[in-house]
Amino acid sequence: MRVCRLVRVVRVLRMVRVLRFFRELRCMLYSIAGSLRSLFFCFIMISLINFVFALIFVQAAVGFMMDDNVDSSDKADLQAYWLGLPIAMDSLFQALTGGRDWAELGEPLRNTNIVYYVVFIFYVGFSHFAVLNVLTGIFVENAIKISTNDRDEVILESLEQERQYAAEIKNLFHRIDTNGSGTVSWEELEPQLEDPAVLAYLSSLELTIQDARLFFSILSQHSINREVDIDAFVDGCMRVKGPAMGLDLQGIVFQLGQNREKQRKEREVQTVFMQDCRDYFKKSDHHVH
């Protein structure tokens, strides 16, 4: 039976692994699990506070019960809520958590002495406005820490996915590099792009290469022999992964604008140079004649 229980626990833990796809639910479960230690000390703190106040109210109840001139109905209420340390602590916990209305619990103490009733009112206000708010802040702080750690975990998962993706691209590069030279030429790449298996592999990697020749030209634009090494190939494939984003399109527009401005300046320089040449030749002809 114990083995079966362990197997069930292992199955539950495997199901928790699926939660990495549901970040909000995972954060909630991790926050609850991470707050169990704080919850334990929270109960200890509340128990200590209730213990101190319960001693005061039990003392009041015992003194009141020893008076023979007290109405029996008042004694019955006091005995039901405050006569005995466990009973008094239970009444304080109910007043704190809403299990019983605090006005109903405080009325028997009012009959003993107004001072004990004031102390009870102080307990209710102190517990609600001070103790519970502090404990709530501790739970929220723990949840924030766990959420921050979860964001770090998501970042690490993203980096791990990029690393695995880069490894897949490198495997593709080695497959295309048929001669093992460490670089890929257009003559090696072109036949591979016509292979349906390679195209399916590129599709699984979310690589959408519409114009293979243009893609290779972009990768090899800084190469002297028009070949692409593994680093340039991996970087280029990482850039064209998935659909084009708005920032990519804006970058292309910006680069085109820069190129047009550069070409305009070059044309102006060429125009000035040609004008200077014509002026020089005109002056030369004038001196000859």
Protein backbone atom coordinates (compact mmCIF):
# COMPACT_ATOMS: atom_id res chain seq x y z
CA MET A 1 0.00 0.00 0.00
CA ARG A 2 2.85 2.37 0.83
CA VAL A 3 4.40 1.75 -2.58
CA CYS A 4 1.10 2.57 -4.28
CA ARG A 5 0.88 5.80 -2.32
CA LEU A 6 4.40 6.76 -3.34
CA VAL A 7 3.54 6.08 -6.96
CA ARG A 8 0.50 8.34 -6.67
CA VAL A 9 2.65 11.10 -5.16
CA VAL A 10 5.12 10.79 -8.05
CA ARG A 11 2.25 11.08 -10.54
CA VAL A 12 1.05 14.24 -8.82
CA LEU A 13 4.55 15.71 -9.00
CA ARG A 14 4.68 14.93 -12.73
CA MET A 15 1.39 16.75 -13.17
CA VAL A 16 2.89 19.78 -11.41
CA ARG A 17 5.56 19.92 -14.13
CA VAL A 18 2.80 20.68 -16.60
CA LEU A 19 2.10 23.86 -14.64
CA ARG A 20 5.14 25.53 -16.19
CA PHE A 21 2.83 26.32 -19.12
CA PHE A 22 0.40 28.10 -16.75
CA ARG A 23 2.50 30.73 -15.03
CA GLU A 24 -0.27 32.35 -12.94
CA LEU A 25 -1.50 29.03 -11.54
CA ARG A 26 2.07 27.94 -10.88
CA CYS A 27 2.78 31.18 -9.00
CA MET A 28 -0.32 30.68 -6.85
CA LEU A 29 0.59 27.13 -5.91
CA TYR A 30 4.22 28.01 -5.23
CA SER A 31 3.14 31.01 -3.14
CA ILE A 32 0.84 28.86 -1.03
CA ALA A 33 3.50 26.19 -0.59
CA GLY A 34 6.14 28.80 0.23
CA SER A 35 3.86 30.41 2.84
CA LEU A 36 3.40 27.26 4.92
CA ARG A 37 6.41 28.09 7.10
CA SER A 38 5.11 31.62 7.67
CA LEU A 39 1.66 30.19 8.39
CA PHE A 40 3.11 27.98 11.13
CA PHE A 41 4.76 30.93 12.90
CA CYS A 42 1.59 32.96 12.33
CA PHE A 43 -0.43 30.47 14.36
CA ILE A 44 2.23 30.51 17.08
CA MET A 45 2.11 34.31 17.28
CA ILE A 46 -1.70 34.39 17.45
CA SER A 47 -1.70 31.62 20.06
CA LEU A 48 0.74 33.54 22.28
CA ILE A 49 -1.31 36.73 22.05
CA ASN A 50 -4.53 34.83 22.77
CA PHE A 51 -2.86 33.06 25.69
CA VAL A 52 -1.86 36.34 27.36
CA PHE A 53 -5.30 37.91 26.98
CA ALA A 54 -7.05 34.67 27.92
CA LEU A 55 -5.25 34.65 31.29
CA ILE A 56 -6.65 38.11 32.01
CA PHE A 57 -10.20 37.18 31.08
CA VAL A 58 -10.12 33.83 32.91
CA GLN A 59 -9.01 35.64 36.05
CA ALA A 60 -11.95 38.02 35.65
CA ALA A 61 -14.37 35.11 35.11
CA VAL A 62 -13.14 33.16 38.14
CA GLY A 63 -13.47 36.20 40.41
CA PHE A 64 -16.93 36.90 39.05
CA MET A 65 -18.09 33.30 39.53
CA MET A 66 -17.05 33.35 43.20
CA ASP A 67 -19.52 36.14 43.89
CA ASP A 68 -22.79 34.63 45.19
CA ASN A 69 -24.79 37.81 44.52
CA VAL A 70 -24.46 37.49 40.72
CA ASP A 71 -27.38 36.43 38.52
CA SER A 72 -27.18 32.83 37.33
CA SER A 73 -27.79 33.79 33.68
CA ASP A 74 -24.74 36.06 33.73
CA LYS A 75 -22.69 33.24 35.23
CA ALA A 76 -23.91 30.86 32.52
CA ASP A 77 -22.74 33.16 29.71
CA LEU A 78 -19.43 33.78 31.42
CA GLN A 79 -18.92 30.07 32.03
CA ALA A 80 -19.73 29.28 28.39
CA TYR A 81 -17.17 31.72 26.95
CA TRP A 82 -14.50 32.55 29.54
CA LEU A 83 -14.32 30.02 32.36
CA GLY A 84 -11.19 28.01 31.60
CA LEU A 85 -8.05 28.80 29.64
CA PRO A 86 -8.82 26.61 26.56
CA ILE A 87 -12.38 27.99 26.40
CA ALA A 88 -11.16 31.59 26.65
CA MET A 89 -8.52 31.07 23.93
CA ASP A 90 -11.17 29.52 21.69
CA SER A 91 -13.47 32.51 22.26
CA LEU A 92 -10.66 34.94 21.41
CA PHE A 93 -9.87 33.02 18.23
CA GLN A 94 -13.54 33.13 17.21
CA ALA A 95 -13.63 36.88 17.87
CA LEU A 96 -10.52 37.30 15.72
CA THR A 97 -11.62 35.16 12.78
CA GLY A 98 -15.33 35.99 12.73
CA GLY A 99 -16.50 32.64 14.08
CA ARG A 100 -18.63 34.49 16.61
CA ASP A 101 -19.56 38.16 16.92
CA TRP A 102 -17.15 39.92 19.28
CA ALA A 103 -19.98 41.97 20.80
CA GLU A 104 -21.66 38.74 21.95
CA LEU A 105 -18.42 37.52 23.49
CA GLY A 106 -17.65 40.84 25.15
CA GLU A 107 -21.03 41.29 26.85
CA PRO A 108 -20.30 38.80 29.71
CA LEU A 109 -17.01 40.62 30.39
CA ARG A 110 -18.88 43.91 30.62
CA ASN A 111 -20.89 42.39 33.46
CA THR A 112 -17.73 41.52 35.39
CA ASN A 113 -16.04 44.91 35.16
CA ILE A 114 -15.91 47.66 32.57
CA VAL A 115 -12.11 47.48 32.66
CA TYR A 116 -12.10 43.89 31.31
CA TYR A 117 -14.53 44.91 28.58
CA VAL A 118 -12.19 47.76 27.54
CA VAL A 119 -9.28 45.31 27.51
CA PHE A 120 -11.33 43.01 25.28
CA ILE A 121 -12.11 45.92 22.91
CA PHE A 122 -8.39 46.71 22.83
CA TYR A 123 -7.63 43.07 21.96
CA VAL A 124 -10.09 43.13 19.05
CA GLY A 125 -8.71 46.39 17.63
CA PHE A 126 -5.07 45.43 18.19
CA SER A 127 -5.54 42.02 16.55
CA HIS A 128 -7.40 43.30 13.52
CA PHE A 129 -5.53 46.51 12.77
CA ALA A 130 -2.02 45.56 13.89
CA VAL A 131 -1.44 41.81 14.05
CA LEU A 132 -3.44 40.73 11.01
CA ASN A 133 -2.09 43.55 8.83
CA VAL A 134 1.49 42.68 9.75
CA LEU A 135 0.90 39.00 9.06
CA THR A 136 -0.79 39.82 5.75
CA GLY A 137 2.22 41.94 4.77
CA ILE A 138 4.53 39.01 5.51
CA PHE A 139 2.46 36.69 3.30
CA VAL A 140 2.40 39.26 0.49
CA GLU A 141 6.17 39.73 0.74
CA ASN A 142 6.71 35.98 0.47
CA ALA A 143 4.41 35.84 -2.56
CA ILE A 144 6.34 38.67 -4.23
CA LYS A 145 9.65 36.90 -3.62
CA ILE A 146 8.30 33.68 -5.09
CA SER A 147 6.88 35.56 -8.08
CA THR A 148 10.28 37.22 -8.64
CA ASN A 149 12.00 33.85 -8.49
CA ASP A 150 9.44 32.52 -10.96
CA ARG A 151 10.26 35.36 -13.39
CA ASP A 152 13.92 34.43 -13.09
CA GLU A 153 12.99 30.84 -13.83
CA VAL A 154 11.05 31.94 -16.93
CA ILE A 155 14.09 33.91 -18.11
CA LEU A 156 16.33 30.88 -17.57
CA GLU A 157 13.87 28.72 -19.48
CA SER A 158 13.88 31.22 -22.35
CA LEU A 159 17.69 31.27 -22.42
CA GLU A 160 17.75 27.47 -22.36
CA GLN A 161 15.32 27.36 -25.29
CA GLU A 162 17.52 29.77 -27.25
CA ARG A 163 20.56 27.61 -26.48
CA GLN A 164 18.78 24.49 -27.70
CA TYR A 165 17.59 26.36 -30.78
CA ALA A 166 21.16 27.48 -31.54
CA ALA A 167 22.29 23.85 -31.18
CA GLU A 168 19.66 22.77 -33.72
CA ILE A 169 20.86 25.47 -36.14
CA LYS A 170 24.43 24.26 -35.74
CA ASN A 171 23.33 20.72 -36.56
CA LEU A 172 21.64 22.08 -39.69
CA PHE A 173 24.83 23.94 -40.61
CA HIS A 174 26.92 20.77 -40.32
CA ARG A 175 24.40 18.97 -42.51
CA ILE A 176 24.66 21.65 -45.20
CA ASP A 177 28.46 21.80 -44.94
CA THR A 178 29.01 18.67 -47.02
CA ASN A 179 32.77 19.15 -47.50
CA GLY A 180 33.43 19.82 -43.81
CA SER A 181 35.25 23.09 -44.47
CA GLY A 182 33.55 24.95 -41.61
CA THR A 183 31.89 27.34 -44.07
CA VAL A 184 28.88 27.13 -46.35
CA SER A 185 28.82 28.34 -49.92
CA TRP A 186 25.82 29.02 -52.14
CA GLU A 187 26.62 25.90 -54.13
CA GLU A 188 26.23 23.85 -50.93
CA LEU A 189 23.14 25.65 -49.65
CA GLU A 190 21.07 25.72 -52.84
CA PRO A 191 20.62 21.93 -53.27
CA GLN A 192 19.73 21.56 -49.59
CA LEU A 193 16.96 24.14 -49.83
CA GLU A 194 15.36 22.06 -52.57
CA ASP A 195 15.26 19.00 -50.31
CA PRO A 196 11.74 18.55 -48.79
CA ALA A 197 13.25 17.07 -45.64
CA VAL A 198 15.41 20.15 -45.10
CA LEU A 199 12.47 22.44 -45.78
CA ALA A 200 10.37 20.53 -43.24
CA TYR A 201 13.23 20.82 -40.75
CA LEU A 202 13.43 24.57 -41.35
CA SER A 203 9.69 24.83 -40.83
CA SER A 204 9.97 23.01 -37.50
CA LEU A 205 12.58 25.59 -36.48
CA GLU A 206 10.20 28.41 -37.46
CA LEU A 207 12.55 29.55 -40.22
CA THR A 208 10.65 31.11 -43.10
CA ILE A 209 13.12 31.86 -45.89
CA GLN A 210 11.15 33.28 -48.82
CA ASP A 211 14.17 34.27 -50.96
CA ALA A 212 17.07 31.89 -50.35
CA ARG A 213 19.46 33.79 -52.61
CA LEU A 214 18.77 37.06 -50.81
CA PHE A 215 19.09 35.32 -47.46
CA PHE A 216 22.50 33.93 -48.36
CA SER A 217 23.63 37.28 -49.79
CA ILE A 218 22.75 38.97 -46.52
CA LEU A 219 24.69 36.37 -44.54
CA SER A 220 27.78 36.52 -46.77
CA GLN A 221 27.87 40.28 -47.37
CA HIS A 222 30.94 40.70 -45.14
CA SER A 223 32.75 37.61 -46.41
CA ILE A 224 35.52 37.95 -48.98
CA ASN A 225 35.03 34.53 -50.57
CA ARG A 226 31.21 34.76 -50.32
CA GLU A 227 30.99 31.91 -47.83
CA VAL A 228 29.27 31.84 -44.45
CA ASP A 229 30.84 30.49 -41.27
CA ILE A 230 28.88 28.81 -38.49
CA ASP A 231 28.58 31.89 -36.26
CA ALA A 232 27.17 34.06 -39.06
CA PHE A 233 24.80 31.27 -40.09
CA VAL A 234 23.46 30.77 -36.55
CA ASP A 235 23.09 34.52 -35.99
CA GLY A 236 21.30 34.98 -39.32
CA CYS A 237 18.90 32.13 -38.68
CA MET A 238 18.13 33.45 -35.22
CA ARG A 239 17.25 36.81 -36.75
CA VAL A 240 14.85 35.42 -39.35
CA LYS A 241 13.16 33.06 -36.89
CA GLY A 242 9.39 33.47 -36.95
CA PRO A 243 7.42 36.26 -38.61
CA ALA A 244 8.83 39.73 -39.09
CA MET A 245 8.13 41.98 -36.14
CA GLY A 246 7.24 45.66 -36.20
CA LEU A 247 10.64 46.61 -34.80
CA ASP A 248 12.37 44.64 -37.57
CA LEU A 249 10.34 46.45 -40.22
CA GLN A 250 11.10 49.81 -38.63
CA GLY A 251 14.79 48.88 -38.59
CA ILE A 252 14.65 48.11 -42.32
CA VAL A 253 12.92 51.42 -43.03
CA PHE A 254 15.54 53.23 -40.96
CA GLN A 255 18.41 51.52 -42.79
CA LEU A 256 16.84 52.30 -46.16
CA GLY A 257 16.52 55.93 -45.13
CA GLN A 258 20.17 56.01 -44.12
CA ASN A 259 21.19 54.44 -47.42
CA ARG A 260 19.18 56.98 -49.38
CA GLU A 261 20.73 59.85 -47.41
CA LYS A 262 24.19 58.41 -48.00
CA GLN A 263 23.53 58.06 -51.74
CA ARG A 264 22.21 61.64 -51.89
CA LYS A 265 25.37 62.97 -50.28
CA GLU A 266 27.54 60.92 -52.63
CA ARG A 267 25.63 62.32 -55.63
CA GLU A 268 26.13 65.85 -54.31
CA VAL A 269 29.86 65.22 -53.92
CA GLN A 270 30.01 63.75 -57.42
CA THR A 271 28.08 66.74 -58.82
CA VAL A 272 30.44 69.21 -57.15
CA PHE A 273 33.44 67.23 -58.37
CA MET A 274 32.14 67.13 -61.94
CA GLN A 275 31.43 70.86 -61.84
CA ASP A 276 34.94 71.55 -60.59
CA CYS A 277 36.35 69.40 -63.38
CA ARG A 278 34.33 71.27 -66.04
CA ASP A 279 35.46 74.63 -64.64
CA TYR A 280 39.06 73.47 -64.65
CA PHE A 281 38.92 72.29 -68.24
CA LYS A 282 37.22 75.52 -69.33
CA LYS A 283 40.01 77.55 -67.77
CA SER A 284 42.60 75.31 -69.38
CA ASP A 285 41.05 75.78 -72.83
CA HIS A 286 40.89 79.54 -72.32
CA HIS A 287 44.60 79.76 -71.52
CA VAL A 288 45.51 77.60 -74.53
CA HIS A 289 43.62 79.82 -76.91
